[in-house]
Amino acid sequence: MNSPDLHTLLPDAPPWRGLPLTALDTALACFLQQAQPSSDPRHLWLAALTHHQWARGHACLELNALAQDAAQLLGWTPQQAQALPADLSQAADTLPWLAGAGAPLVLEHARLYLRRAWIAEHSIRTALRARCQPLSSLTELPISAWVDELFEGLGQDETALAQSCDQRRACLAGLHHGLTLVSGGPGTGKTTTVARMLALMQRVQSQTHPDAPLRMWLAAPTGKASMRLAQAMQSAMSRLPSSWGVDLPSTAATLHRLLSEHQRVWEVDVLVIDEASMVDLELMAQVLTALPAHARLILLGDPNQLASVEAGSAWAQLCAAPWLHAQHVQLTHSHRFQADQGIGLWARWVQQGDLRQRHTEWQALPVGWTATGHAVTRLGAVQPHTPAGRALLQLALAPWWQAVQAALKNPMSDQVARQLLDLHSQVGVLCATREGPWGVQALNRHMALALGLDPHAWAAGRPVMVTRNLHGLGLMNGDIGLCLPHVLANGQVALRVAFVHHEGVRWISPARLDAVETVFAMTVHKSQGSEFDHVLLVLPDRSSAVLSRELIYTGVTRAKERLTWWVPEPEVLALACQTRVARSGGLTDAGQ
């Protein structure tokens, strides 16, 4: 039996057909109407729109914005927004579904929440406010002298001095506060800063509690991000003064793994979370619930990157929150990119939002994949499905594929498999969309065919990405593996998928991998937490709702050395850079 629609429950409700509301949006309104009937059709609208915004990544429905410009807030056309009652926001105060501790909706500060979203946001704000109190004074210790030791030999030019000044402030902030936010773009030294911050904390602990070193954990939202964090930390630790000899963590885990493998309250004194922009609202709330009250929390990230796939934009809102000003340190000086040239310059132009002013610079970019000596290039109007397009994709994969073919001539060792995985990560083909002729599905198909592979069949050389957490296998969403022939314990050779595991390689039977996809190319969203020597950034030939300034910036800043634009219509790029994603939420407010 079909569930009733809104017309059945409330005959004079406005028409819903033709509007971008999902079945789940209207199902919530129907459920609430059945449980506690309302005679006001505006109430059903508000319930459906609140879920609509949650599904679009917002923590709440902003009632003031709804009254001012409903189309922009909801992502609708002006014609679609005309179906909404003119006084819709005014009906929120009389909603029948707000009363009681278990009420399905919550109204707070002109924001209408699903209860699950409000609980998550409330718990985050409460937990972080408790960590804003200054820690006990350490005036009896030579803190300034220790900080000077940590930053010796870092260079005396203007950029190095400015960078070290920011990093010093971050070290002191982490030492004196239970919460520290360290934001900055790529190459600004976030991981290096954290290594010195942790070293300083451990040095202080050795003086005050010599028999109880701090228990420190490193974490990130995805397996790839946690692996990169561990590698970066190991590199940063090697540059610490040899005389310090402090015990710092050298491995990192995903937040999901920490939540699944550890008890309800974690036994940790310092938690570092990298790529904080990828942490959604509910995951952040779960982490803060598990973190003991005494533990320091250090969040790292770039507020200009894409927000989390799930609802919420906790990191960007926390960085913008006035009540966290004392806990927030911005690193602005990049040692990877120069702001006035190359990748850094284009990243800055993307952030400024109007690439139409850069038409001359765009036309001046060298054309072609093989253009050497230039950090930024572009491709012509070649289509991916044409012979010329496939030849170009084959060219992009050539160094890696040649290494794979050479390796297949001999028994596959863990060392060789690791080298092939590392080589695969040197070039990132990043697509803005999944579907369509310029999407990741089409490009993966074209790239596989260009190499003579079936894009969906297991064969030597097929790279795959895990698409959901596989806890039984120790694999997380976003982990990348490579299908290769592997010598089994009985001496037979069979196809196995090699994944990087700590410092080695873990081999998994393809039959056990039921949630993977070919990953010659990946979406920009999936590339978060990764870096590549060379990025080929692919945009569609027409505008899309997923295109935004944040997406373009994220794609650009995945490149360490070279960036190649594959943009069939430059106007699409210009429009994307003008479109900002501003998710609704209340974390910028200090609360009660």
Protein backbone atom coordinates (compact mmCIF):
# COMPACT_ATOMS: atom_id res chain seq x y z
CA MET A 1 0.00 0.00 0.00
CA ASN A 2 1.39 3.37 -1.03
CA SER A 3 2.02 5.97 1.66
CA PRO A 4 -0.26 9.03 1.54
CA ASP A 5 0.93 12.17 -0.17
CA LEU A 6 0.59 15.66 1.16
CA HIS A 7 -2.59 16.32 -0.73
CA THR A 8 -4.28 13.43 1.06
CA LEU A 9 -3.09 14.58 4.47
CA LEU A 10 -3.74 18.24 3.82
CA PRO A 11 -5.99 18.82 0.83
CA ASP A 12 -5.28 22.54 0.51
CA ALA A 13 -1.48 22.09 0.58
CA PRO A 14 0.30 23.84 -2.31
CA PRO A 15 1.33 21.70 -5.29
CA TRP A 16 4.64 19.88 -4.89
CA ARG A 17 5.04 18.30 -8.30
CA GLY A 18 7.73 19.79 -10.48
CA LEU A 19 9.76 21.04 -7.52
CA PRO A 20 13.21 19.68 -6.60
CA LEU A 21 11.99 17.95 -3.44
CA THR A 22 12.88 14.28 -3.01
CA ALA A 23 10.62 11.50 -1.80
CA LEU A 24 12.44 11.60 1.54
CA ASP A 25 11.81 15.34 1.89
CA THR A 26 8.06 14.96 1.50
CA ALA A 27 7.99 11.66 3.39
CA LEU A 28 9.21 13.43 6.52
CA ALA A 29 6.45 16.01 6.21
CA CYS A 30 3.88 13.23 5.74
CA PHE A 31 5.18 11.33 8.76
CA LEU A 32 5.02 14.37 11.02
CA GLN A 33 1.56 15.26 9.77
CA GLN A 34 0.32 11.76 10.51
CA ALA A 35 1.88 11.73 13.98
CA GLN A 36 0.66 15.19 14.98
CA PRO A 37 -1.68 16.83 12.45
CA SER A 38 -1.41 20.50 11.60
CA SER A 39 -4.02 22.60 9.83
CA ASP A 40 -1.41 25.01 8.46
CA PRO A 41 0.04 23.89 5.10
CA ARG A 42 3.12 26.04 5.72
CA HIS A 43 4.21 23.62 8.44
CA LEU A 44 4.55 20.80 5.94
CA TRP A 45 6.56 23.04 3.67
CA LEU A 46 8.96 23.87 6.50
CA ALA A 47 9.43 20.23 7.47
CA ALA A 48 10.13 19.16 3.89
CA LEU A 49 12.49 22.10 3.25
CA THR A 50 14.45 21.43 6.45
CA HIS A 51 15.18 17.89 5.26
CA HIS A 52 15.85 19.23 1.76
CA GLN A 53 18.59 21.48 3.14
CA TRP A 54 20.05 18.67 5.26
CA ALA A 55 20.33 16.45 2.18
CA ARG A 56 22.12 19.32 0.37
CA GLY A 57 24.75 19.52 3.11
CA HIS A 58 23.29 22.24 5.31
CA ALA A 59 22.92 21.84 9.05
CA CYS A 60 19.66 23.81 9.14
CA LEU A 61 17.09 25.86 7.25
CA GLU A 62 17.98 29.55 7.62
CA LEU A 63 14.59 31.24 8.04
CA ASN A 64 15.84 34.81 7.49
CA ALA A 65 17.54 33.81 4.24
CA LEU A 66 14.41 31.90 3.25
CA ALA A 67 12.35 35.07 3.58
CA GLN A 68 14.89 37.20 1.69
CA ASP A 69 15.90 34.96 -1.22
CA ALA A 70 14.41 31.48 -1.12
CA ALA A 71 15.67 30.52 -4.58
CA GLN A 72 19.31 31.17 -3.74
CA LEU A 73 19.06 29.48 -0.34
CA LEU A 74 17.41 26.33 -1.68
CA GLY A 75 19.28 26.12 -4.97
CA TRP A 76 16.04 26.54 -6.93
CA THR A 77 15.13 28.65 -9.90
CA PRO A 78 13.12 31.83 -9.23
CA GLN A 79 10.15 30.19 -10.95
CA GLN A 80 10.31 27.18 -8.62
CA ALA A 81 10.59 29.43 -5.56
CA GLN A 82 7.34 31.17 -6.54
CA ALA A 83 5.45 28.06 -5.37
CA LEU A 84 6.44 28.83 -1.77
CA PRO A 85 4.08 30.81 0.48
CA ALA A 86 5.24 34.38 0.81
CA ASP A 87 5.05 34.28 4.62
CA LEU A 88 6.52 30.79 5.00
CA SER A 89 9.27 31.65 7.49
CA GLN A 90 6.75 33.30 9.84
CA ALA A 91 5.03 29.94 10.41
CA ALA A 92 8.05 28.43 12.17
CA ASP A 93 7.02 29.74 15.59
CA THR A 94 3.76 27.77 15.46
CA LEU A 95 5.20 24.45 14.28
CA PRO A 96 3.60 21.61 16.27
CA TRP A 97 6.72 19.45 16.04
CA LEU A 98 9.03 21.49 18.29
CA ALA A 99 7.75 20.64 21.76
CA GLY A 100 9.46 18.15 24.07
CA ALA A 101 12.93 16.78 24.51
CA GLY A 102 12.46 14.32 21.64
CA ALA A 103 10.80 16.71 19.22
CA PRO A 104 11.80 15.93 15.60
CA LEU A 105 12.51 19.59 14.78
CA VAL A 106 14.35 22.28 16.72
CA LEU A 107 13.99 26.04 16.23
CA GLU A 108 16.90 28.13 17.48
CA HIS A 109 18.01 31.64 16.49
CA ALA A 110 15.86 31.71 13.34
CA ARG A 111 17.32 28.37 12.26
CA LEU A 112 15.18 25.26 11.85
CA TYR A 113 17.02 21.98 12.44
CA LEU A 114 16.37 18.29 12.22
CA ARG A 115 16.96 17.15 15.78
CA ARG A 116 19.93 14.98 14.78
CA ALA A 117 21.64 18.02 13.24
CA TRP A 118 20.89 20.23 16.22
CA ILE A 119 22.21 17.63 18.66
CA ALA A 120 25.43 17.31 16.66
CA GLU A 121 25.95 21.06 16.42
CA HIS A 122 25.06 21.62 20.08
CA SER A 123 27.44 18.91 21.26
CA ILE A 124 30.28 20.31 19.12
CA ARG A 125 29.82 23.83 20.42
CA THR A 126 29.57 22.65 24.04
CA ALA A 127 32.66 20.45 23.79
CA LEU A 128 34.77 23.12 22.11
CA ARG A 129 33.70 25.88 24.47
CA ALA A 130 34.89 23.73 27.36
CA ARG A 131 38.32 23.51 25.71
CA CYS A 132 38.69 27.25 25.23
CA GLN A 133 39.75 27.85 28.81
CA PRO A 134 43.49 28.61 29.15
CA LEU A 135 45.52 25.78 30.64
CA SER A 136 47.63 26.12 33.77
CA SER A 137 50.49 28.61 33.69
CA LEU A 138 53.98 27.38 32.82
CA THR A 139 55.91 30.51 33.69
CA GLU A 140 58.52 28.57 35.66
CA LEU A 141 59.72 26.81 32.48
CA PRO A 142 61.99 28.31 29.76
CA ILE A 143 59.29 28.09 27.06
CA SER A 144 60.65 30.92 24.91
CA ALA A 145 64.14 29.41 24.83
CA TRP A 146 62.74 26.04 23.82
CA VAL A 147 60.72 27.60 21.01
CA ASP A 148 63.88 29.36 19.79
CA GLU A 149 65.65 25.98 19.68
CA LEU A 150 62.83 24.47 17.63
CA PHE A 151 63.05 27.17 14.99
CA GLU A 152 66.84 27.46 14.66
CA GLY A 153 68.29 27.19 11.19
CA LEU A 154 65.04 27.78 9.26
CA GLY A 155 66.35 30.64 7.17
CA GLN A 156 66.47 34.39 7.60
CA ASP A 157 64.78 35.69 4.46
CA GLU A 158 61.55 37.65 4.76
CA THR A 159 59.26 34.72 3.89
CA ALA A 160 61.00 32.31 6.28
CA LEU A 161 60.82 34.80 9.13
CA ALA A 162 57.15 35.52 8.52
CA GLN A 163 56.39 31.82 8.30
CA SER A 164 58.28 31.00 11.50
CA CYS A 165 56.46 33.81 13.31
CA ASP A 166 53.08 32.25 12.46
CA GLN A 167 54.33 28.80 13.40
CA ARG A 168 55.68 30.05 16.73
CA ARG A 169 52.29 31.50 17.57
CA ALA A 170 50.69 28.15 16.75
CA CYS A 171 53.13 26.27 19.01
CA LEU A 172 52.38 28.57 21.93
CA ALA A 173 48.63 28.43 21.25
CA GLY A 174 48.71 24.63 21.31
CA LEU A 175 50.67 24.62 24.54
CA HIS A 176 48.37 27.00 26.40
CA HIS A 177 44.94 25.95 25.08
CA GLY A 178 42.95 22.75 25.00
CA LEU A 179 41.85 23.57 21.44
CA THR A 180 43.94 24.88 18.55
CA LEU A 181 42.84 25.50 14.97
CA VAL A 182 45.68 25.72 12.44
CA SER A 183 44.46 26.78 9.01
CA GLY A 184 46.38 27.40 5.83
CA GLY A 185 46.71 26.47 2.19
CA PRO A 186 49.07 23.84 0.76
CA GLY A 187 52.70 24.29 1.62
CA THR A 188 52.12 26.68 4.51
CA GLY A 189 53.72 24.26 6.96
CA LYS A 190 50.74 22.94 8.91
CA THR A 191 52.30 19.51 9.53
CA THR A 192 55.72 20.98 10.27
CA THR A 193 54.09 23.31 12.76
CA VAL A 194 52.27 20.46 14.45
CA ALA A 195 55.47 18.42 14.76
CA ARG A 196 57.12 21.30 16.63
CA MET A 197 53.97 21.88 18.65
CA LEU A 198 53.89 18.24 19.77
CA ALA A 199 57.62 18.27 20.51
CA LEU A 200 57.15 21.32 22.73
CA MET A 201 54.25 19.70 24.55
CA GLN A 202 56.25 16.55 25.16
CA ARG A 203 59.26 18.56 26.37
CA VAL A 204 57.05 20.39 28.89
CA GLN A 205 55.50 17.10 29.99
CA SER A 206 58.94 15.58 30.57
CA GLN A 207 59.69 18.41 32.98
CA THR A 208 56.38 18.41 34.84
CA HIS A 209 55.49 14.69 34.72
CA PRO A 210 58.67 12.82 33.73
CA ASP A 211 57.13 9.37 34.22
CA ALA A 212 54.01 10.00 32.13
CA PRO A 213 54.72 11.04 28.52
CA LEU A 214 51.73 12.40 26.63
CA ARG A 215 49.73 9.88 24.62
CA MET A 216 49.42 11.40 21.17
CA TRP A 217 47.29 10.27 18.23
CA LEU A 218 47.33 11.37 14.60
CA ALA A 219 44.12 11.03 12.60
CA ALA A 220 42.40 12.06 9.37
CA PRO A 221 38.99 11.43 7.78
CA THR A 222 40.24 9.06 5.05
CA GLY A 223 42.85 6.37 4.67
CA LYS A 224 44.74 8.34 2.04
CA ALA A 225 44.79 11.46 4.18
CA SER A 226 45.95 9.55 7.25
CA MET A 227 48.76 7.92 5.26
CA ARG A 228 49.91 11.28 3.94
CA LEU A 229 49.74 12.78 7.43
CA ALA A 230 51.96 10.00 8.79
CA GLN A 231 54.48 10.48 6.00
CA ALA A 232 54.53 14.24 6.48
CA MET A 233 54.94 13.87 10.23
CA GLN A 234 57.86 11.48 9.83
CA SER A 235 59.54 13.97 7.51
CA ALA A 236 58.87 16.86 9.90
CA MET A 237 60.17 14.88 12.89
CA SER A 238 63.45 14.24 11.08
CA ARG A 239 64.03 18.00 10.99
CA LEU A 240 63.57 18.52 14.73
CA PRO A 241 66.70 19.31 16.79
CA SER A 242 68.50 16.02 17.42
CA SER A 243 69.08 16.98 21.03
CA TRP A 244 65.40 16.90 21.85
CA GLY A 245 64.80 13.17 21.53
CA VAL A 246 61.06 13.45 22.25
CA ASP A 247 58.64 10.59 21.64
CA LEU A 248 56.21 11.58 18.87
CA PRO A 249 53.67 9.49 16.93
CA SER A 250 54.75 8.29 13.49
CA THR A 251 51.54 6.53 12.37
CA ALA A 252 48.04 7.84 11.74
CA ALA A 253 44.58 6.31 11.65
CA THR A 254 41.23 7.25 10.19
CA LEU A 255 38.64 8.72 12.52
CA HIS A 256 36.25 5.90 11.68
CA ARG A 257 38.88 3.34 12.67
CA LEU A 258 39.51 5.07 15.98
CA LEU A 259 35.78 5.13 16.70
CA SER A 260 35.36 1.46 15.83
CA GLU A 261 38.47 0.03 17.52
CA HIS A 262 38.66 1.99 20.76
CA GLN A 263 36.47 2.19 23.81
CA ARG A 264 33.83 4.82 24.25
CA VAL A 265 36.20 7.32 25.94
CA TRP A 266 39.61 7.34 24.28
CA GLU A 267 42.81 7.00 26.27
CA VAL A 268 44.63 9.88 24.64
CA ASP A 269 46.11 13.19 25.77
CA VAL A 270 46.59 14.95 22.42
CA LEU A 271 44.59 14.34 19.24
CA VAL A 272 45.65 15.84 15.89
CA ILE A 273 43.11 15.76 13.06
CA ASP A 274 44.33 16.69 9.59
CA GLU A 275 42.07 17.63 6.63
CA ALA A 276 39.44 18.89 9.06
CA SER A 277 37.36 20.33 6.21
CA MET A 278 36.42 16.74 5.28
CA VAL A 279 34.94 15.98 8.72
CA ASP A 280 31.15 16.20 8.62
CA LEU A 281 28.97 17.50 11.42
CA GLU A 282 27.98 14.18 12.98
CA LEU A 283 31.46 12.68 12.71
CA MET A 284 32.93 15.73 14.46
CA ALA A 285 30.36 15.32 17.24
CA GLN A 286 31.21 11.62 17.65
CA VAL A 287 34.93 12.39 17.90
CA LEU A 288 34.41 15.08 20.51
CA THR A 289 32.20 12.74 22.54
CA ALA A 290 34.96 10.12 22.56
CA LEU A 291 37.72 12.60 23.38
CA PRO A 292 38.38 12.88 27.13
CA ALA A 293 37.85 16.28 28.72
CA HIS A 294 41.53 16.76 29.56
CA ALA A 295 42.82 15.99 26.07
CA ARG A 296 44.13 18.71 23.79
CA LEU A 297 42.58 18.86 20.31
CA ILE A 298 44.49 20.22 17.30
CA LEU A 299 42.58 20.66 14.03
CA LEU A 300 44.39 21.25 10.74
CA GLY A 301 42.90 22.19 7.41
CA ASP A 302 42.25 24.61 4.60
CA PRO A 303 38.91 26.47 4.95
CA ASN A 304 38.91 27.22 1.21
CA GLN A 305 38.65 23.57 0.23
CA LEU A 306 35.51 21.57 -0.36
CA ALA A 307 33.41 20.85 2.67
CA SER A 308 32.57 17.30 3.76
CA VAL A 309 30.49 15.03 1.55
CA GLU A 310 27.96 14.59 4.36
CA ALA A 311 26.06 17.44 5.97
CA GLY A 312 27.74 20.31 7.72
CA SER A 313 30.69 22.61 7.23
CA ALA A 314 32.15 22.49 10.72
CA TRP A 315 35.73 23.41 9.85
CA ALA A 316 34.93 26.50 7.77
CA GLN A 317 32.45 27.74 10.36
CA LEU A 318 34.83 27.18 13.26
CA CYS A 319 37.60 29.06 11.45
CA ALA A 320 35.18 31.98 10.94
CA ALA A 321 33.82 31.90 14.50
CA PRO A 322 34.67 35.06 16.51
CA TRP A 323 34.43 33.10 19.76
CA LEU A 324 37.36 30.92 18.64
CA HIS A 325 39.61 33.77 17.57
CA ALA A 326 42.17 33.10 20.32
CA GLN A 327 42.37 29.42 19.35
CA HIS A 328 42.80 30.02 15.63
CA VAL A 329 46.20 30.50 13.96
CA GLN A 330 46.36 31.15 10.21
CA LEU A 331 49.45 30.16 8.25
CA THR A 332 49.64 32.35 5.17
CA HIS A 333 53.15 31.91 3.76
CA SER A 334 53.59 28.97 1.39
CA HIS A 335 56.96 27.40 0.73
CA ARG A 336 55.52 25.22 -2.05
CA PHE A 337 53.89 27.88 -4.23
CA GLN A 338 54.92 31.40 -4.96
CA ALA A 339 51.90 33.67 -4.82
CA ASP A 340 52.92 35.58 -7.94
CA GLN A 341 53.49 32.73 -10.37
CA GLY A 342 52.60 29.20 -11.39
CA ILE A 343 50.12 27.08 -9.42
CA GLY A 344 50.06 29.51 -6.50
CA LEU A 345 49.08 32.38 -8.77
CA TRP A 346 46.23 30.44 -10.40
CA ALA A 347 45.01 29.25 -7.00
CA ARG A 348 44.88 32.89 -5.89
CA TRP A 349 43.01 33.91 -9.03
CA VAL A 350 40.48 31.13 -8.46
CA GLN A 351 39.98 32.40 -4.90
CA GLN A 352 39.42 35.93 -6.19
CA GLY A 353 36.50 34.55 -8.15
CA ASP A 354 36.67 36.23 -11.55
CA LEU A 355 38.78 34.40 -14.12
CA ARG A 356 37.19 36.46 -16.90
CA GLN A 357 39.80 39.07 -16.03
CA ARG A 358 42.49 36.50 -16.79
CA HIS A 359 41.59 35.87 -20.43
CA THR A 360 44.97 37.09 -21.63
CA GLU A 361 46.82 34.91 -19.13
CA TRP A 362 44.66 31.92 -20.09
CA GLN A 363 45.41 32.34 -23.78
CA ALA A 364 49.12 32.64 -22.98
CA LEU A 365 49.30 29.26 -21.26
CA PRO A 366 51.32 26.65 -23.20
CA VAL A 367 49.05 24.11 -24.89
CA GLY A 368 49.73 20.39 -24.63
CA TRP A 369 50.48 17.69 -22.09
CA THR A 370 54.18 17.54 -22.89
CA ALA A 371 54.85 21.27 -22.57
CA THR A 372 57.89 21.24 -20.31
CA GLY A 373 59.37 23.99 -18.20
CA HIS A 374 55.95 25.37 -17.27
CA ALA A 375 54.11 24.79 -14.00
CA VAL A 376 50.69 25.49 -15.56
CA THR A 377 49.52 24.40 -19.01
CA ARG A 378 46.22 23.74 -20.79
CA LEU A 379 44.91 21.35 -23.37
CA GLY A 380 43.09 22.18 -26.54
CA ALA A 381 39.48 21.36 -27.36
CA VAL A 382 40.15 17.65 -27.95
CA GLN A 383 37.27 15.42 -26.79
CA PRO A 384 38.09 12.47 -24.46
CA HIS A 385 36.20 9.90 -26.56
CA THR A 386 38.06 10.70 -29.80
CA PRO A 387 41.26 8.94 -30.90
CA ALA A 388 43.18 12.11 -30.13
CA GLY A 389 41.62 12.26 -26.66
CA ARG A 390 42.47 8.65 -25.89
CA ALA A 391 45.99 9.17 -27.15
CA LEU A 392 46.35 12.09 -24.76
CA LEU A 393 45.08 10.03 -21.83
CA GLN A 394 47.45 7.23 -22.77
CA LEU A 395 50.29 9.76 -22.80
CA ALA A 396 49.38 10.93 -19.30
CA LEU A 397 49.57 7.34 -18.04
CA ALA A 398 52.62 6.31 -20.06
CA PRO A 399 55.39 6.45 -17.39
CA TRP A 400 53.34 4.52 -14.88
CA TRP A 401 52.03 1.97 -17.38
CA GLN A 402 55.51 1.32 -18.78
CA ALA A 403 56.72 0.64 -15.23
CA VAL A 404 53.82 -1.79 -14.69
CA GLN A 405 54.58 -3.68 -17.89
CA ALA A 406 58.26 -3.93 -17.01
CA ALA A 407 57.45 -5.16 -13.50
CA LEU A 408 55.14 -7.90 -14.80
CA LYS A 409 58.09 -9.67 -16.41
CA ASN A 410 59.41 -10.79 -13.02
CA PRO A 411 57.89 -12.14 -9.77
CA MET A 412 56.12 -9.30 -7.99
CA SER A 413 57.72 -8.30 -4.70
CA ASP A 414 56.23 -6.07 -2.02
CA GLN A 415 58.87 -3.47 -2.79
CA VAL A 416 58.02 -3.33 -6.49
CA ALA A 417 54.29 -3.20 -5.75
CA ARG A 418 54.86 -0.27 -3.41
CA GLN A 419 56.92 1.51 -6.07
CA LEU A 420 54.12 1.05 -8.61
CA LEU A 421 51.56 2.40 -6.16
CA ASP A 422 53.75 5.42 -5.46
CA LEU A 423 54.26 5.98 -9.19
CA HIS A 424 50.50 5.79 -9.78
CA SER A 425 50.01 8.65 -7.34
CA GLN A 426 52.38 10.98 -9.18
CA VAL A 427 49.80 11.95 -11.81
CA GLY A 428 46.25 12.71 -10.75
CA VAL A 429 43.48 12.89 -13.35
CA LEU A 430 40.78 14.76 -11.45
CA CYS A 431 37.25 15.23 -12.78
CA ALA A 432 34.68 17.70 -11.52
CA THR A 433 31.78 15.33 -12.20
CA ARG A 434 31.09 11.59 -12.14
CA GLU A 435 28.75 11.34 -15.14
CA GLY A 436 28.74 12.70 -18.66
CA PRO A 437 31.41 12.65 -21.39
CA TRP A 438 33.83 14.63 -19.18
CA GLY A 439 33.03 12.75 -15.98
CA VAL A 440 35.13 10.25 -14.08
CA GLN A 441 33.15 7.22 -15.30
CA ALA A 442 33.72 8.07 -18.97
CA LEU A 443 37.40 8.94 -18.51
CA ASN A 444 38.09 5.73 -16.60
CA ARG A 445 36.53 3.79 -19.44
CA HIS A 446 38.53 5.65 -22.10
CA MET A 447 41.79 5.32 -20.16
CA ALA A 448 41.30 1.59 -19.61
CA LEU A 449 40.54 1.02 -23.27
CA ALA A 450 43.55 3.11 -24.28
CA LEU A 451 45.69 0.62 -22.32
CA GLY A 452 43.89 -2.44 -23.65
CA LEU A 453 42.05 -3.21 -20.38
CA ASP A 454 38.44 -3.95 -19.53
CA PRO A 455 37.52 -1.13 -17.10
CA HIS A 456 35.41 -3.48 -14.97
CA ALA A 457 37.35 -6.75 -15.09
CA TRP A 458 40.18 -7.82 -12.82
CA ALA A 459 43.45 -7.72 -14.72
CA ALA A 460 47.09 -6.97 -13.98
CA GLY A 461 47.58 -3.23 -13.83
CA ARG A 462 44.02 -2.25 -12.87
CA PRO A 463 44.03 0.43 -10.14
CA VAL A 464 40.99 0.50 -7.86
CA MET A 465 39.61 2.71 -5.12
CA VAL A 466 37.64 1.41 -2.14
CA THR A 467 34.23 3.11 -2.14
CA ARG A 468 33.14 2.32 1.42
CA ASN A 469 34.76 1.32 4.68
CA LEU A 470 35.63 -2.40 4.71
CA HIS A 471 36.48 -2.86 8.37
CA GLY A 472 36.91 -6.63 8.08
CA LEU A 473 39.71 -6.08 5.59
CA GLY A 474 41.22 -3.08 7.33
CA LEU A 475 40.40 -0.87 4.34
CA MET A 476 38.74 2.51 4.38
CA ASN A 477 36.77 4.55 1.86
CA GLY A 478 39.28 6.17 -0.51
CA ASP A 479 42.08 3.60 -0.14
CA ILE A 480 43.76 2.84 -3.49
CA GLY A 481 45.07 -0.55 -4.54
CA LEU A 482 46.68 -2.05 -7.63
CA CYS A 483 45.81 -5.46 -9.11
CA LEU A 484 49.01 -7.43 -9.73
CA PRO A 485 50.16 -11.06 -10.01
CA HIS A 486 51.30 -12.26 -6.61
CA VAL A 487 53.16 -15.40 -5.57
CA LEU A 488 51.06 -17.22 -2.97
CA ALA A 489 52.36 -19.25 -0.05
CA ASN A 490 51.95 -22.49 -2.07
CA GLY A 491 54.08 -21.10 -4.89
CA GLN A 492 51.19 -20.48 -7.27
CA VAL A 493 50.71 -17.11 -8.94
CA ALA A 494 47.32 -15.40 -8.70
CA LEU A 495 45.91 -11.93 -9.09
CA ARG A 496 45.85 -10.00 -5.84
CA VAL A 497 45.28 -6.33 -5.05
CA ALA A 498 48.17 -4.56 -3.33
CA PHE A 499 47.37 -1.83 -0.80
CA VAL A 500 49.86 0.28 1.09
CA HIS A 501 49.82 -0.87 4.71
CA HIS A 502 51.95 1.11 7.13
CA GLU A 503 55.41 0.78 5.61
CA GLY A 504 54.68 -2.33 3.61
CA VAL A 505 52.07 -3.80 1.27
CA ARG A 506 48.97 -5.81 2.03
CA TRP A 507 47.67 -8.26 -0.58
CA ILE A 508 43.89 -8.87 -0.83
CA SER A 509 42.01 -11.29 -3.08
CA PRO A 510 39.82 -9.48 -5.64
CA ALA A 511 36.94 -11.78 -4.67
CA ARG A 512 36.81 -10.09 -1.27
CA LEU A 513 36.58 -6.57 -2.70
CA ASP A 514 32.91 -5.92 -3.34
CA ALA A 515 33.09 -2.13 -3.07
CA VAL A 516 35.74 -0.85 -5.47
CA GLU A 517 35.85 1.09 -8.70
CA THR A 518 38.53 1.61 -11.34
CA VAL A 519 40.54 4.72 -10.58
CA PHE A 520 42.67 5.83 -13.48
CA ALA A 521 40.75 9.05 -12.85
CA MET A 522 38.91 10.20 -9.73
CA THR A 523 36.60 13.02 -8.73
CA VAL A 524 38.01 16.12 -7.08
CA HIS A 525 35.99 15.18 -4.00
CA LYS A 526 37.78 11.83 -3.77
CA SER A 527 41.16 13.50 -4.22
CA GLN A 528 40.88 15.47 -0.98
CA GLY A 529 43.67 14.46 1.34
CA SER A 530 45.87 13.47 -1.62
CA GLU A 531 48.65 15.25 -3.48
CA PHE A 532 50.10 14.63 -6.93
CA ASP A 533 53.20 15.83 -8.71
CA HIS A 534 51.09 16.61 -11.78
CA VAL A 535 47.32 17.21 -11.84
CA LEU A 536 45.15 17.06 -14.95
CA LEU A 537 42.00 18.94 -13.91
CA VAL A 538 39.03 18.03 -16.13
CA LEU A 539 35.89 20.16 -16.30
CA PRO A 540 32.67 19.43 -18.22
CA ASP A 541 31.63 21.45 -21.26
CA ARG A 542 28.57 22.90 -19.54
CA SER A 543 27.77 24.33 -16.14
CA SER A 544 26.65 22.01 -13.35
CA ALA A 545 25.34 22.41 -9.83
CA VAL A 546 28.45 20.68 -8.43
CA LEU A 547 30.86 23.22 -9.91
CA SER A 548 32.05 25.78 -7.40
CA ARG A 549 35.03 27.90 -6.45
CA GLU A 550 35.82 25.47 -3.64
CA LEU A 551 35.90 22.51 -6.03
CA ILE A 552 38.20 24.27 -8.51
CA TYR A 553 40.51 25.46 -5.74
CA THR A 554 40.68 21.97 -4.25
CA GLY A 555 41.57 20.47 -7.62
CA VAL A 556 44.23 23.09 -8.36
CA THR A 557 45.91 22.74 -4.97
CA ARG A 558 46.25 18.94 -5.26
CA ALA A 559 49.14 19.67 -7.66
CA LYS A 560 52.62 20.02 -6.21
CA GLU A 561 54.68 20.73 -9.34
CA ARG A 562 52.50 20.88 -12.46
CA LEU A 563 48.87 21.69 -13.27
CA THR A 564 47.21 21.06 -16.62
CA TRP A 565 43.75 22.44 -17.32
CA TRP A 566 41.43 20.40 -19.54
CA VAL A 567 38.61 22.87 -19.93
CA PRO A 568 36.54 22.60 -23.11
CA GLU A 569 34.60 25.81 -22.33
CA PRO A 570 36.52 28.50 -20.38
CA GLU A 571 33.21 30.20 -19.52
CA VAL A 572 32.26 27.13 -17.45
CA LEU A 573 35.44 27.62 -15.41
CA ALA A 574 34.70 31.32 -14.95
CA LEU A 575 31.14 30.64 -13.75
CA ALA A 576 32.35 27.94 -11.35
CA CYS A 577 34.83 30.33 -9.74
CA GLN A 578 32.03 32.86 -9.20
CA THR A 579 29.94 30.27 -7.34
CA ARG A 580 30.68 29.88 -3.66
CA VAL A 581 29.29 27.14 -1.44
CA ALA A 582 28.05 28.59 1.83
CA ARG A 583 26.47 25.93 4.01
CA SER A 584 24.02 26.98 6.68
CA GLY A 585 24.83 26.30 10.31
CA GLY A 586 25.18 27.91 13.69
CA LEU A 587 28.71 27.05 14.78
CA THR A 588 29.92 30.58 14.17
CA ASP A 589 27.74 31.64 17.11
CA ALA A 590 29.12 31.17 20.60
CA GLY A 591 25.76 29.89 21.83
CA GLN A 592 24.48 30.03 25.35
